[in-house]
Amino acid sequence: MAIRDPACAKCPIGAASGVGRGECCVMLDRSRRAGANLFVEGEPAEKVWFVKRGLVSLSRAVDARAAAVWTLRRPGSILGLEGLQRPTYLDTANAVTDVVVCVASKDAVQAWLARRSGAALALLGCVVEAQCTDAPRRAGADGNSVVRVATWLLDAEAQNQAIGAPRAVIAGLLGMEPETLSRALAALASRGLVQVSRKSVSITDRAGLSSLAEGEVKAPYRKAR
């Protein structure tokens, strides 16, 4: 099977599969448009996914009628690995942006782990990398909504997460309503700390935003309720 992307040789999964030595990767890449569903919580966990490009959200049911996004997965992340230990997916995965994901059946991954000495280490590295970005510091609990949004923006930029993710996704991560997020962004923009458009947010005053996030700004600002 021909390797279509030379970058596969540098990917941890591709490297552990021997792609750089002319062998085939255990996973095949697939393109998905923003909004596409990859898998659903509670369904049989028959595949393992690797995020090659783009951003994927993971959500989990909070009650019988609603689910909440709890993290974003960026390139280098492994999804659905729980299928090696349990029969169903723990989360629902959706493409936040256009994505390229590499996919393999659970059986193929298990066979790969059995025959490749470096396979388990490659998977472990992907898991650890993803866990390092699961919970931006203080973003979900401390401070009012303006401070929480400021903290998340700084952490998202530092972790190469997409600040331009849909507002509903960001709001879910922060445990607030989209309207509250919009008001908090407007408050930050009014102070000249960020620039907000319909589809994106960019930090314009990193030092000021950091001071606000750390509670060092004493000047009054309108709270977003």
C-alpha atoms as a PDB file:
ATOM      1  CA  MET A   1       0.000   0.000   0.000  1.00  0.00           C
ATOM      2  CA  ALA A   2       1.507   3.358  -1.010  1.00  0.00           C
ATOM      3  CA  ILE A   3       2.072   6.015   1.637  1.00  0.00           C
ATOM      4  CA  ARG A   4       0.343   9.171   0.453  1.00  0.00           C
ATOM      5  CA  ASP A   5       1.690  11.517   3.113  1.00  0.00           C
ATOM      6  CA  PRO A   6       5.447  11.615   3.899  1.00  0.00           C
ATOM      7  CA  ALA A   7       4.567  13.045   7.330  1.00  0.00           C
ATOM      8  CA  CYS A   8       3.306   9.586   8.288  1.00  0.00           C
ATOM      9  CA  ALA A   9       6.895   8.500   8.869  1.00  0.00           C
ATOM     10  CA  LYS A  10       7.189  11.148  11.626  1.00  0.00           C
ATOM     11  CA  CYS A  11       3.816  10.400  13.212  1.00  0.00           C
ATOM     12  CA  PRO A  12       4.167   8.293  16.404  1.00  0.00           C
ATOM     13  CA  ILE A  13       1.769   5.673  15.085  1.00  0.00           C
ATOM     14  CA  GLY A  14       3.385   5.620  11.644  1.00  0.00           C
ATOM     15  CA  ALA A  15       6.872   5.449  13.129  1.00  0.00           C
ATOM     16  CA  ALA A  16       5.895   2.552  15.394  1.00  0.00           C
ATOM     17  CA  SER A  17       4.358   0.816  12.356  1.00  0.00           C
ATOM     18  CA  GLY A  18       7.627   1.049  10.422  1.00  0.00           C
ATOM     19  CA  VAL A  19       6.425   3.525   7.784  1.00  0.00           C
ATOM     20  CA  GLY A  20       9.897   5.068   7.517  1.00  0.00           C
ATOM     21  CA  ARG A  21      11.244   1.608   6.668  1.00  0.00           C
ATOM     22  CA  GLY A  22       8.796   1.047   3.835  1.00  0.00           C
ATOM     23  CA  GLU A  23       6.113  -0.721   5.837  1.00  0.00           C
ATOM     24  CA  CYS A  24       2.415   0.176   6.087  1.00  0.00           C
ATOM     25  CA  CYS A  25       0.775   2.011   8.953  1.00  0.00           C
ATOM     26  CA  VAL A  26      -1.813   0.151  10.978  1.00  0.00           C
ATOM     27  CA  MET A  27      -4.181   3.109  10.406  1.00  0.00           C
ATOM     28  CA  LEU A  28      -5.704   4.611   7.252  1.00  0.00           C
ATOM     29  CA  ASP A  29      -6.422   8.324   7.003  1.00  0.00           C
ATOM     30  CA  ARG A  30      -9.873   9.724   6.306  1.00  0.00           C
ATOM     31  CA  SER A  31     -11.041  13.318   5.797  1.00  0.00           C
ATOM     32  CA  ARG A  32     -14.135  14.587   7.611  1.00  0.00           C
ATOM     33  CA  ARG A  33     -15.829  17.980   7.394  1.00  0.00           C
ATOM     34  CA  ALA A  34     -16.442  20.221  10.389  1.00  0.00           C
ATOM     35  CA  GLY A  35     -19.486  19.016  12.304  1.00  0.00           C
ATOM     36  CA  ALA A  36     -19.090  15.374  11.283  1.00  0.00           C
ATOM     37  CA  ASN A  37     -19.698  12.743  13.930  1.00  0.00           C
ATOM     38  CA  LEU A  38     -16.927  10.196  14.436  1.00  0.00           C
ATOM     39  CA  PHE A  39     -18.526   8.001  17.071  1.00  0.00           C
ATOM     40  CA  VAL A  40     -21.242   8.102  19.734  1.00  0.00           C
ATOM     41  CA  GLU A  41     -21.149   7.469  23.454  1.00  0.00           C
ATOM     42  CA  GLY A  42     -22.512   4.043  24.319  1.00  0.00           C
ATOM     43  CA  GLU A  43     -22.140   2.589  20.822  1.00  0.00           C
ATOM     44  CA  PRO A  44     -19.868  -0.446  20.236  1.00  0.00           C
ATOM     45  CA  ALA A  45     -16.235   0.695  20.323  1.00  0.00           C
ATOM     46  CA  GLU A  46     -15.113  -1.029  17.145  1.00  0.00           C
ATOM     47  CA  LYS A  47     -12.490   1.482  15.940  1.00  0.00           C
ATOM     48  CA  VAL A  48      -9.558   3.481  17.265  1.00  0.00           C
ATOM     49  CA  TRP A  49      -8.941   6.969  15.880  1.00  0.00           C
ATOM     50  CA  PHE A  50      -5.843   9.178  15.627  1.00  0.00           C
ATOM     51  CA  VAL A  51      -6.275  12.916  15.059  1.00  0.00           C
ATOM     52  CA  LYS A  52      -3.868  13.808  12.257  1.00  0.00           C
ATOM     53  CA  ARG A  53      -5.115  17.316  11.438  1.00  0.00           C
ATOM     54  CA  GLY A  54      -7.815  19.561  12.895  1.00  0.00           C
ATOM     55  CA  LEU A  55      -9.706  19.585  16.150  1.00  0.00           C
ATOM     56  CA  VAL A  56     -12.195  17.111  17.647  1.00  0.00           C
ATOM     57  CA  SER A  57     -14.518  17.652  20.607  1.00  0.00           C
ATOM     58  CA  LEU A  58     -15.418  14.967  23.141  1.00  0.00           C
ATOM     59  CA  SER A  59     -18.751  15.219  24.932  1.00  0.00           C
ATOM     60  CA  ARG A  60     -20.391  13.030  27.554  1.00  0.00           C
ATOM     61  CA  ALA A  61     -23.988  12.746  28.722  1.00  0.00           C
ATOM     62  CA  VAL A  62     -24.826  14.743  31.847  1.00  0.00           C
ATOM     63  CA  ASP A  63     -28.425  13.510  32.030  1.00  0.00           C
ATOM     64  CA  ALA A  64     -30.910  11.604  29.899  1.00  0.00           C
ATOM     65  CA  ARG A  65     -31.446  14.540  27.527  1.00  0.00           C
ATOM     66  CA  ALA A  66     -28.203  16.494  27.320  1.00  0.00           C
ATOM     67  CA  ALA A  67     -24.483  16.045  26.770  1.00  0.00           C
ATOM     68  CA  ALA A  68     -21.650  18.465  27.516  1.00  0.00           C
ATOM     69  CA  VAL A  69     -18.341  18.980  25.731  1.00  0.00           C
ATOM     70  CA  TRP A  70     -15.588  18.312  28.248  1.00  0.00           C
ATOM     71  CA  THR A  71     -12.420  18.564  26.173  1.00  0.00           C
ATOM     72  CA  LEU A  72     -10.935  19.230  22.737  1.00  0.00           C
ATOM     73  CA  ARG A  73      -8.539  16.849  21.073  1.00  0.00           C
ATOM     74  CA  ARG A  74      -5.865  18.254  18.766  1.00  0.00           C
ATOM     75  CA  PRO A  75      -3.438  16.577  16.325  1.00  0.00           C
ATOM     76  CA  GLY A  76      -1.499  13.744  17.918  1.00  0.00           C
ATOM     77  CA  SER A  77      -4.416  12.552  20.074  1.00  0.00           C
ATOM     78  CA  ILE A  78      -5.808   9.021  20.186  1.00  0.00           C
ATOM     79  CA  LEU A  79      -9.591   8.553  20.432  1.00  0.00           C
ATOM     80  CA  GLY A  80     -11.627   5.473  21.279  1.00  0.00           C
ATOM     81  CA  LEU A  81      -8.762   3.650  22.939  1.00  0.00           C
ATOM     82  CA  GLU A  82     -11.155   2.570  25.684  1.00  0.00           C
ATOM     83  CA  GLY A  83     -12.426   0.004  23.180  1.00  0.00           C
ATOM     84  CA  LEU A  84      -9.404  -2.145  24.019  1.00  0.00           C
ATOM     85  CA  GLN A  85     -10.761  -2.555  27.557  1.00  0.00           C
ATOM     86  CA  ARG A  86     -14.534  -2.119  27.316  1.00  0.00           C
ATOM     87  CA  PRO A  87     -17.219  -2.806  24.707  1.00  0.00           C
ATOM     88  CA  THR A  88     -18.590   0.732  24.196  1.00  0.00           C
ATOM     89  CA  TYR A  89     -17.325   4.285  23.644  1.00  0.00           C
ATOM     90  CA  LEU A  90     -17.184   6.538  26.704  1.00  0.00           C
ATOM     91  CA  ASP A  91     -17.723   9.749  24.726  1.00  0.00           C
ATOM     92  CA  THR A  92     -19.227  11.226  21.594  1.00  0.00           C
ATOM     93  CA  ALA A  93     -16.618  12.633  19.192  1.00  0.00           C
ATOM     94  CA  ASN A  94     -17.372  15.377  16.659  1.00  0.00           C
ATOM     95  CA  ALA A  95     -15.125  17.254  14.247  1.00  0.00           C
ATOM     96  CA  VAL A  96     -14.896  20.894  15.369  1.00  0.00           C
ATOM     97  CA  THR A  97     -12.948  21.858  12.243  1.00  0.00           C
ATOM     98  CA  ASP A  98     -12.309  19.997   9.016  1.00  0.00           C
ATOM     99  CA  VAL A  99     -10.182  17.063  10.138  1.00  0.00           C
ATOM    100  CA  VAL A 100      -8.031  14.253   8.899  1.00  0.00           C
ATOM    101  CA  VAL A 101      -8.303  11.235  11.191  1.00  0.00           C
ATOM    102  CA  CYS A 102      -6.491   7.926  10.889  1.00  0.00           C
ATOM    103  CA  VAL A 103      -8.648   4.922  11.676  1.00  0.00           C
ATOM    104  CA  ALA A 104      -8.065   1.252  12.466  1.00  0.00           C
ATOM    105  CA  SER A 105     -10.313  -1.486  13.752  1.00  0.00           C
ATOM    106  CA  LYS A 106      -9.932  -2.535  17.358  1.00  0.00           C
ATOM    107  CA  ASP A 107      -8.791  -5.974  16.198  1.00  0.00           C
ATOM    108  CA  ALA A 108      -6.105  -4.445  13.953  1.00  0.00           C
ATOM    109  CA  VAL A 109      -4.778  -2.313  16.825  1.00  0.00           C
ATOM    110  CA  GLN A 110      -4.686  -5.292  19.179  1.00  0.00           C
ATOM    111  CA  ALA A 111      -2.763  -7.327  16.617  1.00  0.00           C
ATOM    112  CA  TRP A 112      -0.391  -4.395  16.049  1.00  0.00           C
ATOM    113  CA  LEU A 113       0.268  -4.141  19.794  1.00  0.00           C
ATOM    114  CA  ALA A 114       1.043  -7.839  19.919  1.00  0.00           C
ATOM    115  CA  ARG A 115       3.616  -7.825  17.118  1.00  0.00           C
ATOM    116  CA  ARG A 116       5.259  -4.388  17.497  1.00  0.00           C
ATOM    117  CA  SER A 117       7.526  -3.743  20.473  1.00  0.00           C
ATOM    118  CA  GLY A 118       7.189   0.047  20.225  1.00  0.00           C
ATOM    119  CA  ALA A 119       3.440   0.155  19.626  1.00  0.00           C
ATOM    120  CA  ALA A 120       2.335   0.362  23.256  1.00  0.00           C
ATOM    121  CA  LEU A 121       4.814   3.165  23.965  1.00  0.00           C
ATOM    122  CA  ALA A 122       3.556   5.114  20.939  1.00  0.00           C
ATOM    123  CA  LEU A 123      -0.050   4.850  22.137  1.00  0.00           C
ATOM    124  CA  LEU A 124       0.942   5.803  25.684  1.00  0.00           C
ATOM    125  CA  GLY A 125       2.702   8.914  24.399  1.00  0.00           C
ATOM    126  CA  CYS A 126      -0.447   9.989  22.539  1.00  0.00           C
ATOM    127  CA  VAL A 127      -2.597   9.430  25.624  1.00  0.00           C
ATOM    128  CA  VAL A 128      -0.287  11.424  27.900  1.00  0.00           C
ATOM    129  CA  GLU A 129      -0.070  14.277  25.380  1.00  0.00           C
ATOM    130  CA  ALA A 130      -3.859  14.481  25.203  1.00  0.00           C
ATOM    131  CA  GLN A 131      -4.280  14.397  28.982  1.00  0.00           C
ATOM    132  CA  CYS A 132      -1.915  17.328  29.368  1.00  0.00           C
ATOM    133  CA  THR A 133      -4.509  19.538  27.615  1.00  0.00           C
ATOM    134  CA  ASP A 134      -7.683  18.102  29.156  1.00  0.00           C
ATOM    135  CA  ALA A 135      -8.201  20.730  31.851  1.00  0.00           C
ATOM    136  CA  PRO A 136      -6.874  24.276  31.285  1.00  0.00           C
ATOM    137  CA  ARG A 137      -5.866  25.682  34.647  1.00  0.00           C
ATOM    138  CA  ARG A 138      -8.707  27.280  36.612  1.00  0.00           C
ATOM    139  CA  ALA A 139     -10.783  27.693  33.451  1.00  0.00           C
ATOM    140  CA  GLY A 140     -13.838  25.825  34.679  1.00  0.00           C
ATOM    141  CA  ALA A 141     -14.139  26.932  38.273  1.00  0.00           C
ATOM    142  CA  ASP A 142     -12.310  30.006  39.533  1.00  0.00           C
ATOM    143  CA  GLY A 143     -13.353  33.611  39.066  1.00  0.00           C
ATOM    144  CA  ASN A 144     -16.316  35.204  37.334  1.00  0.00           C
ATOM    145  CA  SER A 145     -17.072  34.511  33.701  1.00  0.00           C
ATOM    146  CA  VAL A 146     -14.766  37.246  32.358  1.00  0.00           C
ATOM    147  CA  VAL A 147     -11.785  35.923  34.316  1.00  0.00           C
ATOM    148  CA  ARG A 148     -12.586  32.333  33.341  1.00  0.00           C
ATOM    149  CA  VAL A 149     -12.737  33.229  29.647  1.00  0.00           C
ATOM    150  CA  ALA A 150      -9.484  35.191  29.892  1.00  0.00           C
ATOM    151  CA  THR A 151      -7.780  32.199  31.521  1.00  0.00           C
ATOM    152  CA  TRP A 152      -9.087  29.790  28.901  1.00  0.00           C
ATOM    153  CA  LEU A 153      -7.965  31.985  26.014  1.00  0.00           C
ATOM    154  CA  LEU A 154      -4.417  32.146  27.386  1.00  0.00           C
ATOM    155  CA  ASP A 155      -4.276  28.405  28.008  1.00  0.00           C
ATOM    156  CA  ALA A 156      -5.822  27.563  24.642  1.00  0.00           C
ATOM    157  CA  GLU A 157      -3.234  29.674  22.844  1.00  0.00           C
ATOM    158  CA  ALA A 158      -0.387  28.115  24.848  1.00  0.00           C
ATOM    159  CA  GLN A 159      -1.644  24.600  24.095  1.00  0.00           C
ATOM    160  CA  ASN A 160      -2.248  25.298  20.395  1.00  0.00           C
ATOM    161  CA  GLN A 161      -5.969  24.718  20.786  1.00  0.00           C
ATOM    162  CA  ALA A 162      -8.304  26.524  18.413  1.00  0.00           C
ATOM    163  CA  ILE A 163      -9.512  29.798  19.864  1.00  0.00           C
ATOM    164  CA  GLY A 164     -11.739  29.921  16.784  1.00  0.00           C
ATOM    165  CA  ALA A 165     -13.730  26.878  17.879  1.00  0.00           C
ATOM    166  CA  PRO A 166     -17.530  27.398  17.814  1.00  0.00           C
ATOM    167  CA  ARG A 167     -18.820  29.468  20.708  1.00  0.00           C
ATOM    168  CA  ALA A 168     -21.090  26.637  21.854  1.00  0.00           C
ATOM    169  CA  VAL A 169     -18.049  24.343  22.196  1.00  0.00           C
ATOM    170  CA  ILE A 170     -16.010  26.880  24.161  1.00  0.00           C
ATOM    171  CA  ALA A 171     -18.984  27.717  26.373  1.00  0.00           C
ATOM    172  CA  GLY A 172     -19.491  24.034  27.115  1.00  0.00           C
ATOM    173  CA  LEU A 173     -15.860  23.632  28.120  1.00  0.00           C
ATOM    174  CA  LEU A 174     -16.208  26.565  30.501  1.00  0.00           C
ATOM    175  CA  GLY A 175     -19.535  25.440  31.943  1.00  0.00           C
ATOM    176  CA  MET A 176     -21.443  28.543  30.829  1.00  0.00           C
ATOM    177  CA  GLU A 177     -24.168  29.464  28.366  1.00  0.00           C
ATOM    178  CA  PRO A 178     -23.082  30.747  24.913  1.00  0.00           C
ATOM    179  CA  GLU A 179     -24.736  34.091  25.702  1.00  0.00           C
ATOM    180  CA  THR A 180     -22.587  34.428  28.842  1.00  0.00           C
ATOM    181  CA  LEU A 181     -19.481  33.655  26.812  1.00  0.00           C
ATOM    182  CA  SER A 182     -20.412  36.314  24.250  1.00  0.00           C
ATOM    183  CA  ARG A 183     -20.864  38.924  26.984  1.00  0.00           C
ATOM    184  CA  ALA A 184     -17.541  37.989  28.561  1.00  0.00           C
ATOM    185  CA  LEU A 185     -15.777  38.296  25.197  1.00  0.00           C
ATOM    186  CA  ALA A 186     -17.421  41.670  24.654  1.00  0.00           C
ATOM    187  CA  ALA A 187     -16.149  42.804  28.059  1.00  0.00           C
ATOM    188  CA  LEU A 188     -12.619  41.722  27.168  1.00  0.00           C
ATOM    189  CA  ALA A 189     -12.853  43.399  23.762  1.00  0.00           C
ATOM    190  CA  SER A 190     -14.040  46.657  25.359  1.00  0.00           C
ATOM    191  CA  ARG A 191     -10.798  46.701  27.369  1.00  0.00           C
ATOM    192  CA  GLY A 192      -8.720  46.159  24.239  1.00  0.00           C
ATOM    193  CA  LEU A 193      -7.519  42.730  25.394  1.00  0.00           C
ATOM    194  CA  VAL A 194      -8.984  40.688  22.529  1.00  0.00           C
ATOM    195  CA  GLN A 195     -10.374  41.199  19.070  1.00  0.00           C
ATOM    196  CA  VAL A 196     -13.586  39.316  18.374  1.00  0.00           C
ATOM    197  CA  SER A 197     -15.178  38.464  15.041  1.00  0.00           C
ATOM    198  CA  ARG A 198     -18.084  36.206  14.239  1.00  0.00           C
ATOM    199  CA  LYS A 199     -15.827  33.187  13.732  1.00  0.00           C
ATOM    200  CA  SER A 200     -12.673  33.873  15.710  1.00  0.00           C
ATOM    201  CA  VAL A 201     -11.047  35.484  18.726  1.00  0.00           C
ATOM    202  CA  SER A 202      -7.502  36.833  18.763  1.00  0.00           C
ATOM    203  CA  ILE A 203      -5.525  38.077  21.743  1.00  0.00           C
ATOM    204  CA  THR A 204      -4.354  41.669  21.260  1.00  0.00           C
ATOM    205  CA  ASP A 205      -2.921  42.405  24.732  1.00  0.00           C
ATOM    206  CA  ARG A 206      -1.439  39.227  26.209  1.00  0.00           C
ATOM    207  CA  ALA A 207       0.087  40.953  29.220  1.00  0.00           C
ATOM    208  CA  GLY A 208      -3.193  42.672  30.089  1.00  0.00           C
ATOM    209  CA  LEU A 209      -5.164  39.483  29.626  1.00  0.00           C
ATOM    210  CA  SER A 210      -2.723  37.584  31.830  1.00  0.00           C
ATOM    211  CA  SER A 211      -2.966  40.240  34.541  1.00  0.00           C
ATOM    212  CA  LEU A 212      -6.747  40.020  34.483  1.00  0.00           C
ATOM    213  CA  ALA A 213      -6.663  36.222  34.585  1.00  0.00           C
ATOM    214  CA  GLU A 214      -4.368  36.314  37.597  1.00  0.00           C
ATOM    215  CA  GLY A 215      -6.569  38.851  39.390  1.00  0.00           C
ATOM    216  CA  GLU A 216      -4.025  41.650  39.208  1.00  0.00           C
ATOM    217  CA  VAL A 217      -6.255  44.199  37.452  1.00  0.00           C
ATOM    218  CA  LYS A 218      -8.045  46.382  39.965  1.00  0.00           C
ATOM    219  CA  ALA A 219      -9.790  48.708  37.532  1.00  0.00           C
ATOM    220  CA  PRO A 220     -13.528  48.022  37.348  1.00  0.00           C
ATOM    221  CA  TYR A 221     -15.016  46.232  34.379  1.00  0.00           C
ATOM    222  CA  ARG A 222     -18.523  45.101  33.588  1.00  0.00           C
ATOM    223  CA  LYS A 223     -19.205  41.576  34.748  1.00  0.00           C
ATOM    224  CA  ALA A 224     -20.904  39.187  32.336  1.00  0.00           C
ATOM    225  CA  ARG A 225     -23.773  37.518  34.106  1.00  0.00           C
END
